Structures are given as C-alpha cells and as structure tokens.
C-alpha cells in the first residue's frame, strides 16, 4: 500500500459516510484524476456479550474525519524546473463538498500531507491482526488462531509471544 500524500479532512460529526459518497460522486462528475482514494478509518474490536459470546464491532478510529489520498500536480516552470503542488481544482472539489469543513493542516491554502509513518500506523490500527489476542491474565495470554479455515482458542506464555515489527505488504 502507498502511504504517501494522505491528508486528514474534518467533516461534520456522524456525516463521514455521506461525505465520502458525495465526494466520490463529485469526483466522477468532474473527472478529477488527482483524487486517488477516500476512506473512513474503522477499527474492529471484540465485544463480550453477557452470554459469553464474542462479537466483532467496528468503531471509527477518527470520528469526524476522513482520509483522502491526492496525487500532486506536476508543474513545469519557465526556467525548466519542475515543481509538484496540490491541484487547485481538487482542493476546491474537496472543500466545496457538502458536510466537509476543511483540511486539518494548511499552509497558505495548500494542504500539508501526513507523514508516511503516521499513515502506516493508522492503517495498521485498522488491521485485523490485533483481534488474535483476546485476554491477558497474569503470565498467560489467551488468544485465537485461524488454522485450516477454523478459529481455535490458544493459550500462550509471555515468552512465546513477541511484537512483530516487520512491515506487512
């Protein structure tokens, strides 16, 4: 996944889904090629019911915000140098969509992209891998493994489990 050129956009609370739909429809009507992706970051959490049954529930990672990925426009200057900047038409497309309040970071009407590490960390938080650990009881870690298409409970010690710092593709 490409973690470059992602921007956080503030929207009206509980209007994230509507704003995404309107933004994508306006993109197709105006034939904007610079707006690459629009997402709502959702994290899955395991909730325990009273009868002991586990259910997976999605919650918004950043309520009131959506993430947009915009490709920068290449502009050739008179002296032959090339600069990349945020496309003005895409800026107007995003900011003039109903329900969108504006970009989170601005520098003279030009949005500042989030750092690649920040974006990767946020998308990793929305990954399903954190659902494998169910509970920690002292030195025991209760979890679940998926083998041959079935999920089975498993018990580990702290020496058997480590945090994986490698990048996933």
N, C-alpha and C. Protein backbone atom coordinates (compact mmCIF):
# COMPACT_ATOMS: atom_id res chain seq x y z
N UNK A 1 0.84 -1.19 0.00
CA UNK A 1 0.00 0.00 0.00
C UNK A 1 0.88 1.24 0.00
N UNK A 2 0.43 2.25 -0.69
CA UNK A 2 1.16 3.51 -0.78
C UNK A 2 0.72 4.43 0.36
N UNK A 3 1.66 4.83 1.21
CA UNK A 3 1.35 5.69 2.35
C UNK A 3 1.71 7.15 2.09
N UNK A 4 1.92 7.54 0.85
CA UNK A 4 2.29 8.91 0.52
C UNK A 4 1.06 9.73 0.13
N UNK A 5 1.14 11.02 0.41
CA UNK A 5 0.13 12.01 0.01
C UNK A 5 -1.26 11.75 0.57
N UNK A 6 -1.33 11.38 1.86
CA UNK A 6 -2.60 11.24 2.56
C UNK A 6 -2.85 12.49 3.38
N UNK A 7 -4.09 12.95 3.39
CA UNK A 7 -4.48 14.16 4.10
C UNK A 7 -5.69 13.86 4.97
N UNK A 8 -5.72 14.46 6.16
CA UNK A 8 -6.88 14.33 7.04
C UNK A 8 -7.82 15.50 6.76
N UNK A 9 -9.11 15.18 6.63
CA UNK A 9 -10.12 16.18 6.32
C UNK A 9 -11.20 16.13 7.40
N UNK A 10 -11.50 17.29 7.99
CA UNK A 10 -12.55 17.37 9.02
C UNK A 10 -13.91 17.42 8.34
N UNK A 11 -14.85 16.63 8.88
CA UNK A 11 -16.22 16.61 8.36
C UNK A 11 -17.18 16.75 9.53
N UNK A 12 -18.45 16.97 9.22
CA UNK A 12 -19.45 17.06 10.27
C UNK A 12 -19.56 15.70 10.97
N UNK A 13 -19.76 15.74 12.28
CA UNK A 13 -19.83 14.52 13.06
C UNK A 13 -21.00 13.64 12.59
N UNK A 14 -20.73 12.35 12.49
CA UNK A 14 -21.69 11.34 12.03
C UNK A 14 -22.13 11.53 10.58
N UNK A 15 -21.38 12.31 9.81
CA UNK A 15 -21.67 12.51 8.39
C UNK A 15 -20.53 11.99 7.52
N UNK A 16 -19.66 11.15 8.10
CA UNK A 16 -18.48 10.67 7.37
C UNK A 16 -18.88 9.88 6.12
N UNK A 17 -19.82 8.95 6.27
CA UNK A 17 -20.23 8.10 5.14
C UNK A 17 -20.88 8.94 4.04
N UNK A 18 -21.70 9.90 4.42
CA UNK A 18 -22.35 10.77 3.45
C UNK A 18 -21.33 11.62 2.70
N UNK A 19 -20.36 12.16 3.43
CA UNK A 19 -19.32 12.98 2.80
C UNK A 19 -18.48 12.17 1.82
N UNK A 20 -18.15 10.93 2.17
CA UNK A 20 -17.38 10.07 1.28
C UNK A 20 -18.17 9.81 0.00
N UNK A 21 -19.46 9.49 0.13
CA UNK A 21 -20.30 9.22 -1.04
C UNK A 21 -20.42 10.45 -1.94
N UNK A 22 -20.64 11.62 -1.34
CA UNK A 22 -20.75 12.85 -2.12
C UNK A 22 -19.43 13.20 -2.80
N UNK A 23 -18.34 13.02 -2.09
CA UNK A 23 -17.03 13.34 -2.65
C UNK A 23 -16.70 12.44 -3.84
N UNK A 24 -16.99 11.15 -3.70
CA UNK A 24 -16.72 10.22 -4.81
C UNK A 24 -17.64 10.48 -6.01
N UNK A 25 -18.88 10.87 -5.76
CA UNK A 25 -19.77 11.18 -6.89
C UNK A 25 -19.34 12.46 -7.59
N UNK A 26 -18.93 13.47 -6.82
CA UNK A 26 -18.45 14.72 -7.44
C UNK A 26 -17.16 14.47 -8.22
N UNK A 27 -16.32 13.56 -7.71
CA UNK A 27 -15.07 13.22 -8.40
C UNK A 27 -15.37 12.65 -9.79
N UNK A 28 -16.36 11.74 -9.85
CA UNK A 28 -16.68 11.12 -11.14
C UNK A 28 -17.36 12.12 -12.09
N UNK A 29 -18.17 13.01 -11.56
CA UNK A 29 -18.85 14.00 -12.41
C UNK A 29 -17.84 15.01 -12.97
N UNK A 30 -16.89 15.43 -12.15
CA UNK A 30 -15.91 16.44 -12.58
C UNK A 30 -14.66 15.83 -13.20
N UNK A 31 -14.61 14.50 -13.31
CA UNK A 31 -13.49 13.78 -13.93
C UNK A 31 -12.14 14.16 -13.30
N UNK A 32 -12.11 14.21 -11.98
CA UNK A 32 -10.87 14.53 -11.27
C UNK A 32 -9.98 13.28 -11.21
N UNK A 33 -8.75 13.40 -11.71
CA UNK A 33 -7.83 12.26 -11.73
C UNK A 33 -6.81 12.32 -10.59
N UNK A 34 -6.77 13.42 -9.85
CA UNK A 34 -5.77 13.57 -8.79
C UNK A 34 -6.25 12.97 -7.47
N UNK A 35 -7.56 12.93 -7.24
CA UNK A 35 -8.10 12.33 -6.02
C UNK A 35 -8.08 10.82 -6.19
N UNK A 36 -7.14 10.16 -5.48
CA UNK A 36 -6.91 8.73 -5.67
C UNK A 36 -7.80 7.85 -4.79
N UNK A 37 -7.98 8.24 -3.51
CA UNK A 37 -8.71 7.38 -2.59
C UNK A 37 -9.34 8.20 -1.48
N UNK A 38 -10.47 7.75 -0.98
CA UNK A 38 -11.18 8.37 0.14
C UNK A 38 -11.60 7.25 1.08
N UNK A 39 -11.20 7.34 2.37
CA UNK A 39 -11.53 6.27 3.31
C UNK A 39 -11.97 6.82 4.66
N UNK A 40 -12.76 6.01 5.34
CA UNK A 40 -13.07 6.23 6.75
C UNK A 40 -12.32 5.14 7.50
N UNK A 41 -11.48 5.52 8.42
CA UNK A 41 -10.70 4.54 9.16
C UNK A 41 -11.57 3.92 10.25
N UNK A 42 -11.74 2.59 10.16
CA UNK A 42 -12.55 1.87 11.14
C UNK A 42 -11.71 0.77 11.76
N UNK A 43 -11.84 0.63 13.07
CA UNK A 43 -11.11 -0.38 13.82
C UNK A 43 -12.10 -1.43 14.31
N UNK A 44 -11.71 -2.67 14.21
CA UNK A 44 -12.56 -3.76 14.69
C UNK A 44 -12.17 -4.10 16.12
N UNK A 45 -13.19 -4.26 16.96
CA UNK A 45 -12.97 -4.60 18.36
C UNK A 45 -13.85 -5.78 18.73
N UNK A 46 -13.34 -6.63 19.61
CA UNK A 46 -14.12 -7.77 20.10
C UNK A 46 -14.89 -7.32 21.34
N UNK A 47 -16.19 -7.52 21.31
CA UNK A 47 -17.05 -7.18 22.44
C UNK A 47 -17.60 -8.48 23.02
N UNK A 48 -17.56 -8.58 24.34
CA UNK A 48 -18.09 -9.76 25.03
C UNK A 48 -19.54 -9.48 25.43
N UNK A 49 -20.44 -10.39 25.06
CA UNK A 49 -21.83 -10.27 25.46
C UNK A 49 -22.02 -10.96 26.80
N UNK A 50 -23.19 -10.76 27.41
CA UNK A 50 -23.46 -11.34 28.72
C UNK A 50 -23.46 -12.87 28.71
N UNK A 51 -23.84 -13.46 27.58
CA UNK A 51 -23.86 -14.92 27.50
C UNK A 51 -22.49 -15.51 27.18
N UNK A 52 -21.44 -14.67 27.13
CA UNK A 52 -20.08 -15.14 26.88
C UNK A 52 -19.70 -15.20 25.42
N UNK A 53 -20.63 -14.89 24.55
CA UNK A 53 -20.36 -14.91 23.11
C UNK A 53 -19.60 -13.65 22.71
N UNK A 54 -18.64 -13.84 21.82
CA UNK A 54 -17.85 -12.70 21.34
C UNK A 54 -18.42 -12.21 20.01
N UNK A 55 -18.50 -10.89 19.86
CA UNK A 55 -18.92 -10.29 18.59
C UNK A 55 -17.88 -9.25 18.20
N UNK A 56 -17.71 -9.08 16.90
CA UNK A 56 -16.77 -8.09 16.39
C UNK A 56 -17.57 -6.86 15.98
N UNK A 57 -17.15 -5.71 16.52
CA UNK A 57 -17.85 -4.46 16.25
C UNK A 57 -16.86 -3.47 15.64
N UNK A 58 -17.31 -2.75 14.62
CA UNK A 58 -16.46 -1.73 14.01
C UNK A 58 -16.73 -0.39 14.66
N UNK A 59 -15.65 0.31 15.02
CA UNK A 59 -15.76 1.67 15.54
C UNK A 59 -14.85 2.57 14.72
N UNK A 60 -15.22 3.81 14.60
CA UNK A 60 -14.42 4.76 13.83
C UNK A 60 -13.16 5.10 14.61
N UNK A 61 -12.03 5.05 13.92
CA UNK A 61 -10.77 5.39 14.56
C UNK A 61 -10.68 6.89 14.82
N UNK A 62 -11.16 7.69 13.87
CA UNK A 62 -11.15 9.14 14.00
C UNK A 62 -12.55 9.68 13.67
N UNK A 63 -13.46 9.71 14.64
CA UNK A 63 -14.79 10.24 14.36
C UNK A 63 -14.70 11.71 13.96
N UNK A 64 -15.43 12.08 12.92
CA UNK A 64 -15.42 13.46 12.46
C UNK A 64 -14.33 13.76 11.44
N UNK A 65 -13.62 12.72 10.98
CA UNK A 65 -12.55 12.91 9.99
C UNK A 65 -12.60 11.80 8.95
N UNK A 66 -12.18 12.14 7.74
CA UNK A 66 -11.95 11.15 6.70
C UNK A 66 -10.54 11.36 6.18
N UNK A 67 -10.04 10.36 5.49
CA UNK A 67 -8.69 10.45 4.91
C UNK A 67 -8.83 10.46 3.39
N UNK A 68 -8.08 11.36 2.74
CA UNK A 68 -8.06 11.41 1.29
C UNK A 68 -6.62 11.30 0.80
N UNK A 69 -6.45 10.59 -0.30
CA UNK A 69 -5.13 10.49 -0.92
C UNK A 69 -5.21 11.23 -2.25
N UNK A 70 -4.33 12.24 -2.39
CA UNK A 70 -4.34 13.10 -3.56
C UNK A 70 -2.96 13.09 -4.19
N UNK A 71 -2.91 12.81 -5.49
CA UNK A 71 -1.66 12.84 -6.25
C UNK A 71 -1.33 14.30 -6.54
N UNK A 72 -0.08 14.67 -6.38
CA UNK A 72 0.32 16.06 -6.62
C UNK A 72 0.43 16.34 -8.11
N UNK A 73 0.15 17.58 -8.48
CA UNK A 73 0.20 18.00 -9.87
C UNK A 73 1.62 18.46 -10.20
N UNK A 74 2.14 17.99 -11.33
CA UNK A 74 3.49 18.37 -11.77
C UNK A 74 3.37 19.61 -12.63
N UNK A 75 4.08 20.67 -12.24
CA UNK A 75 4.05 21.94 -12.97
C UNK A 75 5.46 22.26 -13.44
N UNK A 76 5.57 22.54 -14.74
CA UNK A 76 6.87 22.92 -15.30
C UNK A 76 6.97 24.44 -15.32
N UNK A 77 8.00 24.96 -14.68
CA UNK A 77 8.20 26.40 -14.60
C UNK A 77 8.87 26.93 -15.87
N UNK A 78 8.91 28.27 -16.00
CA UNK A 78 9.51 28.90 -17.18
C UNK A 78 11.00 28.60 -17.30
N UNK A 79 11.68 28.45 -16.16
CA UNK A 79 13.12 28.20 -16.20
C UNK A 79 13.46 26.72 -16.41
N UNK A 80 12.46 25.88 -16.62
CA UNK A 80 12.70 24.46 -16.90
C UNK A 80 12.64 23.56 -15.69
N UNK A 81 12.54 24.13 -14.50
CA UNK A 81 12.43 23.30 -13.30
C UNK A 81 11.01 22.77 -13.15
N UNK A 82 10.90 21.71 -12.42
CA UNK A 82 9.60 21.07 -12.21
C UNK A 82 9.27 21.12 -10.72
N UNK A 83 8.04 21.51 -10.41
CA UNK A 83 7.58 21.51 -9.02
C UNK A 83 6.29 20.70 -8.94
N UNK A 84 6.07 20.13 -7.76
CA UNK A 84 4.84 19.38 -7.51
C UNK A 84 4.04 20.13 -6.45
N UNK A 85 2.77 20.32 -6.73
CA UNK A 85 1.92 21.00 -5.76
C UNK A 85 0.52 20.41 -5.77
N UNK A 86 -0.23 20.72 -4.73
CA UNK A 86 -1.59 20.23 -4.59
C UNK A 86 -2.46 20.88 -5.67
N UNK A 87 -3.20 20.09 -6.46
CA UNK A 87 -4.02 20.66 -7.54
C UNK A 87 -5.14 21.55 -6.99
N UNK A 88 -5.27 22.73 -7.54
CA UNK A 88 -6.27 23.69 -7.08
C UNK A 88 -7.69 23.18 -7.31
N UNK A 89 -7.92 22.54 -8.43
CA UNK A 89 -9.27 22.03 -8.73
C UNK A 89 -9.67 20.94 -7.74
N UNK A 90 -8.73 20.10 -7.36
CA UNK A 90 -9.01 19.05 -6.38
C UNK A 90 -9.25 19.66 -5.00
N UNK A 91 -8.50 20.70 -4.66
CA UNK A 91 -8.70 21.40 -3.39
C UNK A 91 -10.13 21.94 -3.32
N UNK A 92 -10.59 22.59 -4.41
CA UNK A 92 -11.95 23.13 -4.46
C UNK A 92 -12.99 22.00 -4.42
N UNK A 93 -12.70 20.89 -5.12
CA UNK A 93 -13.61 19.75 -5.13
C UNK A 93 -13.85 19.23 -3.71
N UNK A 94 -12.77 19.12 -2.94
CA UNK A 94 -12.88 18.57 -1.58
C UNK A 94 -13.53 19.57 -0.64
N UNK A 95 -13.05 20.81 -0.65
CA UNK A 95 -13.54 21.80 0.33
C UNK A 95 -14.95 22.28 0.05
N UNK A 96 -15.41 22.18 -1.20
CA UNK A 96 -16.76 22.64 -1.53
C UNK A 96 -17.81 21.53 -1.48
N UNK A 97 -17.40 20.34 -1.04
CA UNK A 97 -18.36 19.24 -0.88
C UNK A 97 -19.16 19.48 0.40
N UNK A 98 -20.45 19.26 0.32
CA UNK A 98 -21.33 19.48 1.46
C UNK A 98 -20.94 18.60 2.63
N UNK A 99 -20.84 19.18 3.82
CA UNK A 99 -20.50 18.44 5.03
C UNK A 99 -19.03 18.45 5.37
N UNK A 100 -18.18 18.83 4.42
CA UNK A 100 -16.73 18.87 4.68
C UNK A 100 -16.37 20.25 5.20
N UNK A 101 -15.65 20.26 6.32
CA UNK A 101 -15.28 21.52 6.96
C UNK A 101 -13.93 22.03 6.50
N UNK A 102 -13.02 21.14 6.10
CA UNK A 102 -11.73 21.59 5.59
C UNK A 102 -10.61 20.64 5.97
N UNK A 103 -9.44 20.95 5.46
CA UNK A 103 -8.25 20.15 5.75
C UNK A 103 -7.74 20.43 7.15
N UNK A 104 -7.08 19.45 7.74
CA UNK A 104 -6.56 19.60 9.10
C UNK A 104 -5.31 20.47 9.11
N UNK A 105 -4.38 20.23 8.20
CA UNK A 105 -3.14 21.01 8.14
C UNK A 105 -3.10 21.82 6.86
N UNK A 106 -3.03 23.14 7.00
CA UNK A 106 -2.94 24.01 5.83
C UNK A 106 -1.74 24.93 5.95
N UNK A 107 -1.12 25.21 4.81
CA UNK A 107 -0.02 26.16 4.73
C UNK A 107 -0.31 27.08 3.56
N UNK A 108 -0.88 28.25 3.83
CA UNK A 108 -1.24 29.21 2.79
C UNK A 108 -2.16 28.60 1.74
N UNK A 109 -3.22 28.03 2.18
CA UNK A 109 -4.24 27.41 1.33
C UNK A 109 -3.73 26.19 0.57
N UNK A 110 -2.62 25.63 1.02
CA UNK A 110 -2.11 24.39 0.44
C UNK A 110 -2.03 23.36 1.56
N UNK A 111 -2.74 22.24 1.43
CA UNK A 111 -2.74 21.24 2.50
C UNK A 111 -1.37 20.60 2.67
N UNK A 112 -1.06 20.22 3.91
CA UNK A 112 0.19 19.55 4.24
C UNK A 112 -0.13 18.07 4.44
N UNK A 113 0.54 17.17 3.69
CA UNK A 113 0.25 15.74 3.84
C UNK A 113 0.75 15.22 5.17
N UNK A 114 0.10 14.14 5.62
CA UNK A 114 0.54 13.48 6.85
C UNK A 114 1.83 12.71 6.55
N UNK A 115 2.61 12.48 7.58
CA UNK A 115 3.86 11.73 7.41
C UNK A 115 3.53 10.27 7.13
N UNK A 116 4.39 9.65 6.31
CA UNK A 116 4.17 8.26 5.90
C UNK A 116 4.07 7.33 7.12
N UNK A 117 4.91 7.56 8.13
CA UNK A 117 4.89 6.71 9.33
C UNK A 117 3.57 6.83 10.07
N UNK A 118 3.03 8.06 10.14
CA UNK A 118 1.75 8.27 10.81
C UNK A 118 0.63 7.53 10.08
N UNK A 119 0.64 7.64 8.76
CA UNK A 119 -0.41 7.00 7.96
C UNK A 119 -0.33 5.48 8.10
N UNK A 120 0.88 4.94 8.03
CA UNK A 120 1.06 3.49 8.17
C UNK A 120 0.56 3.02 9.53
N UNK A 121 0.89 3.77 10.57
CA UNK A 121 0.46 3.41 11.92
C UNK A 121 -1.07 3.41 12.04
N UNK A 122 -1.71 4.39 11.42
CA UNK A 122 -3.16 4.47 11.48
C UNK A 122 -3.82 3.32 10.72
N UNK A 123 -3.29 3.00 9.53
CA UNK A 123 -3.86 1.89 8.77
C UNK A 123 -3.59 0.55 9.47
N UNK A 124 -2.45 0.42 10.13
CA UNK A 124 -2.15 -0.80 10.88
C UNK A 124 -3.11 -0.98 12.06
N UNK A 125 -3.56 0.12 12.65
CA UNK A 125 -4.52 0.04 13.74
C UNK A 125 -5.88 -0.49 13.26
N UNK A 126 -6.15 -0.33 11.98
CA UNK A 126 -7.40 -0.81 11.40
C UNK A 126 -7.29 -2.23 10.88
N UNK A 127 -6.10 -2.81 11.00
CA UNK A 127 -5.85 -4.17 10.54
C UNK A 127 -6.51 -5.16 11.51
N UNK A 128 -6.84 -6.34 11.01
CA UNK A 128 -7.49 -7.36 11.83
C UNK A 128 -6.53 -8.13 12.73
N UNK A 129 -5.24 -7.94 12.61
CA UNK A 129 -4.27 -8.75 13.34
C UNK A 129 -4.40 -8.60 14.85
N UNK A 130 -4.83 -7.44 15.34
CA UNK A 130 -4.93 -7.24 16.79
C UNK A 130 -6.07 -8.05 17.41
N UNK A 131 -6.94 -8.64 16.60
CA UNK A 131 -8.05 -9.42 17.13
C UNK A 131 -7.62 -10.80 17.62
N UNK A 132 -6.38 -11.19 17.34
CA UNK A 132 -5.93 -12.54 17.72
C UNK A 132 -5.73 -12.69 19.22
N UNK A 133 -5.37 -11.60 19.93
CA UNK A 133 -5.21 -11.65 21.38
C UNK A 133 -6.55 -11.27 22.01
N UNK A 134 -7.07 -12.17 22.84
CA UNK A 134 -8.38 -11.94 23.44
C UNK A 134 -8.26 -11.37 24.84
N UNK A 135 -7.33 -11.93 25.67
CA UNK A 135 -7.24 -11.52 27.05
C UNK A 135 -5.85 -11.82 27.58
N UNK A 136 -5.41 -11.03 28.54
CA UNK A 136 -4.13 -11.28 29.21
C UNK A 136 -4.43 -11.47 30.69
N UNK A 137 -4.04 -12.65 31.22
CA UNK A 137 -4.28 -12.97 32.63
C UNK A 137 -2.94 -13.33 33.26
N UNK A 138 -2.32 -12.36 33.91
CA UNK A 138 -1.02 -12.61 34.55
C UNK A 138 0.03 -12.96 33.52
N UNK A 139 0.60 -14.18 33.62
CA UNK A 139 1.61 -14.63 32.67
C UNK A 139 1.00 -15.35 31.47
N UNK A 140 -0.30 -15.54 31.47
CA UNK A 140 -0.96 -16.25 30.37
C UNK A 140 -1.60 -15.25 29.41
N UNK A 141 -1.49 -15.56 28.14
CA UNK A 141 -2.13 -14.76 27.09
C UNK A 141 -3.12 -15.68 26.37
N UNK A 142 -4.40 -15.32 26.45
CA UNK A 142 -5.43 -16.09 25.78
C UNK A 142 -5.67 -15.47 24.41
N UNK A 143 -5.64 -16.30 23.39
CA UNK A 143 -5.81 -15.79 22.05
C UNK A 143 -6.56 -16.77 21.18
N UNK A 144 -6.51 -16.50 19.90
CA UNK A 144 -7.14 -17.40 18.95
C UNK A 144 -6.27 -17.51 17.72
N UNK A 145 -6.28 -18.68 17.11
CA UNK A 145 -5.53 -18.95 15.90
C UNK A 145 -6.51 -19.39 14.82
N UNK A 146 -6.20 -19.01 13.59
CA UNK A 146 -7.00 -19.47 12.47
C UNK A 146 -6.19 -20.50 11.71
N UNK A 147 -6.65 -21.73 11.73
CA UNK A 147 -5.96 -22.82 11.05
C UNK A 147 -6.96 -23.58 10.20
N UNK A 148 -6.62 -23.80 8.96
CA UNK A 148 -7.45 -24.57 8.03
C UNK A 148 -8.87 -24.02 7.95
N UNK A 149 -8.99 -22.70 8.03
CA UNK A 149 -10.29 -22.06 7.90
C UNK A 149 -11.14 -22.06 9.16
N UNK A 150 -10.60 -22.57 10.27
CA UNK A 150 -11.34 -22.59 11.53
C UNK A 150 -10.58 -21.80 12.58
N UNK A 151 -11.30 -21.13 13.46
CA UNK A 151 -10.69 -20.38 14.54
C UNK A 151 -10.73 -21.23 15.80
N UNK A 152 -9.55 -21.42 16.42
CA UNK A 152 -9.47 -22.23 17.64
C UNK A 152 -8.84 -21.40 18.75
N UNK A 153 -9.25 -21.63 20.02
CA UNK A 153 -8.65 -20.90 21.13
C UNK A 153 -7.23 -21.42 21.39
N UNK A 154 -6.37 -20.53 21.90
CA UNK A 154 -4.99 -20.91 22.20
C UNK A 154 -4.53 -20.16 23.44
N UNK A 155 -3.58 -20.77 24.17
CA UNK A 155 -3.03 -20.17 25.38
C UNK A 155 -1.51 -20.09 25.22
N UNK A 156 -0.94 -18.91 25.51
CA UNK A 156 0.49 -18.68 25.35
C UNK A 156 1.07 -18.12 26.63
N UNK A 157 2.39 -18.25 26.77
CA UNK A 157 3.10 -17.53 27.84
C UNK A 157 3.72 -16.30 27.22
N UNK A 158 4.16 -15.37 28.07
CA UNK A 158 4.74 -14.13 27.55
C UNK A 158 6.04 -14.38 26.77
N UNK A 159 6.73 -15.47 27.08
CA UNK A 159 7.97 -15.76 26.35
C UNK A 159 7.69 -16.32 24.95
N UNK A 160 6.48 -16.83 24.73
CA UNK A 160 6.13 -17.37 23.42
C UNK A 160 5.60 -16.31 22.46
N UNK A 161 5.30 -15.13 22.96
CA UNK A 161 4.70 -14.08 22.15
C UNK A 161 5.65 -12.89 22.08
N UNK A 162 5.79 -12.32 20.89
CA UNK A 162 6.57 -11.11 20.73
C UNK A 162 5.88 -10.20 19.74
N UNK A 163 6.18 -8.92 19.81
CA UNK A 163 5.59 -7.95 18.90
C UNK A 163 6.36 -8.00 17.59
N UNK A 164 5.65 -8.18 16.51
CA UNK A 164 6.27 -8.25 15.19
C UNK A 164 6.46 -6.85 14.65
N UNK A 165 7.70 -6.44 14.42
CA UNK A 165 8.00 -5.08 13.94
C UNK A 165 8.25 -5.04 12.43
N UNK A 166 8.11 -6.17 11.74
CA UNK A 166 8.35 -6.17 10.30
C UNK A 166 7.19 -5.51 9.57
N UNK A 167 7.48 -5.00 8.40
CA UNK A 167 6.44 -4.34 7.61
C UNK A 167 5.65 -5.39 6.86
N UNK A 168 4.34 -5.17 6.79
CA UNK A 168 3.46 -6.06 6.04
C UNK A 168 3.17 -5.44 4.70
N UNK A 169 3.02 -6.29 3.70
CA UNK A 169 2.69 -5.76 2.37
C UNK A 169 1.29 -6.08 1.99
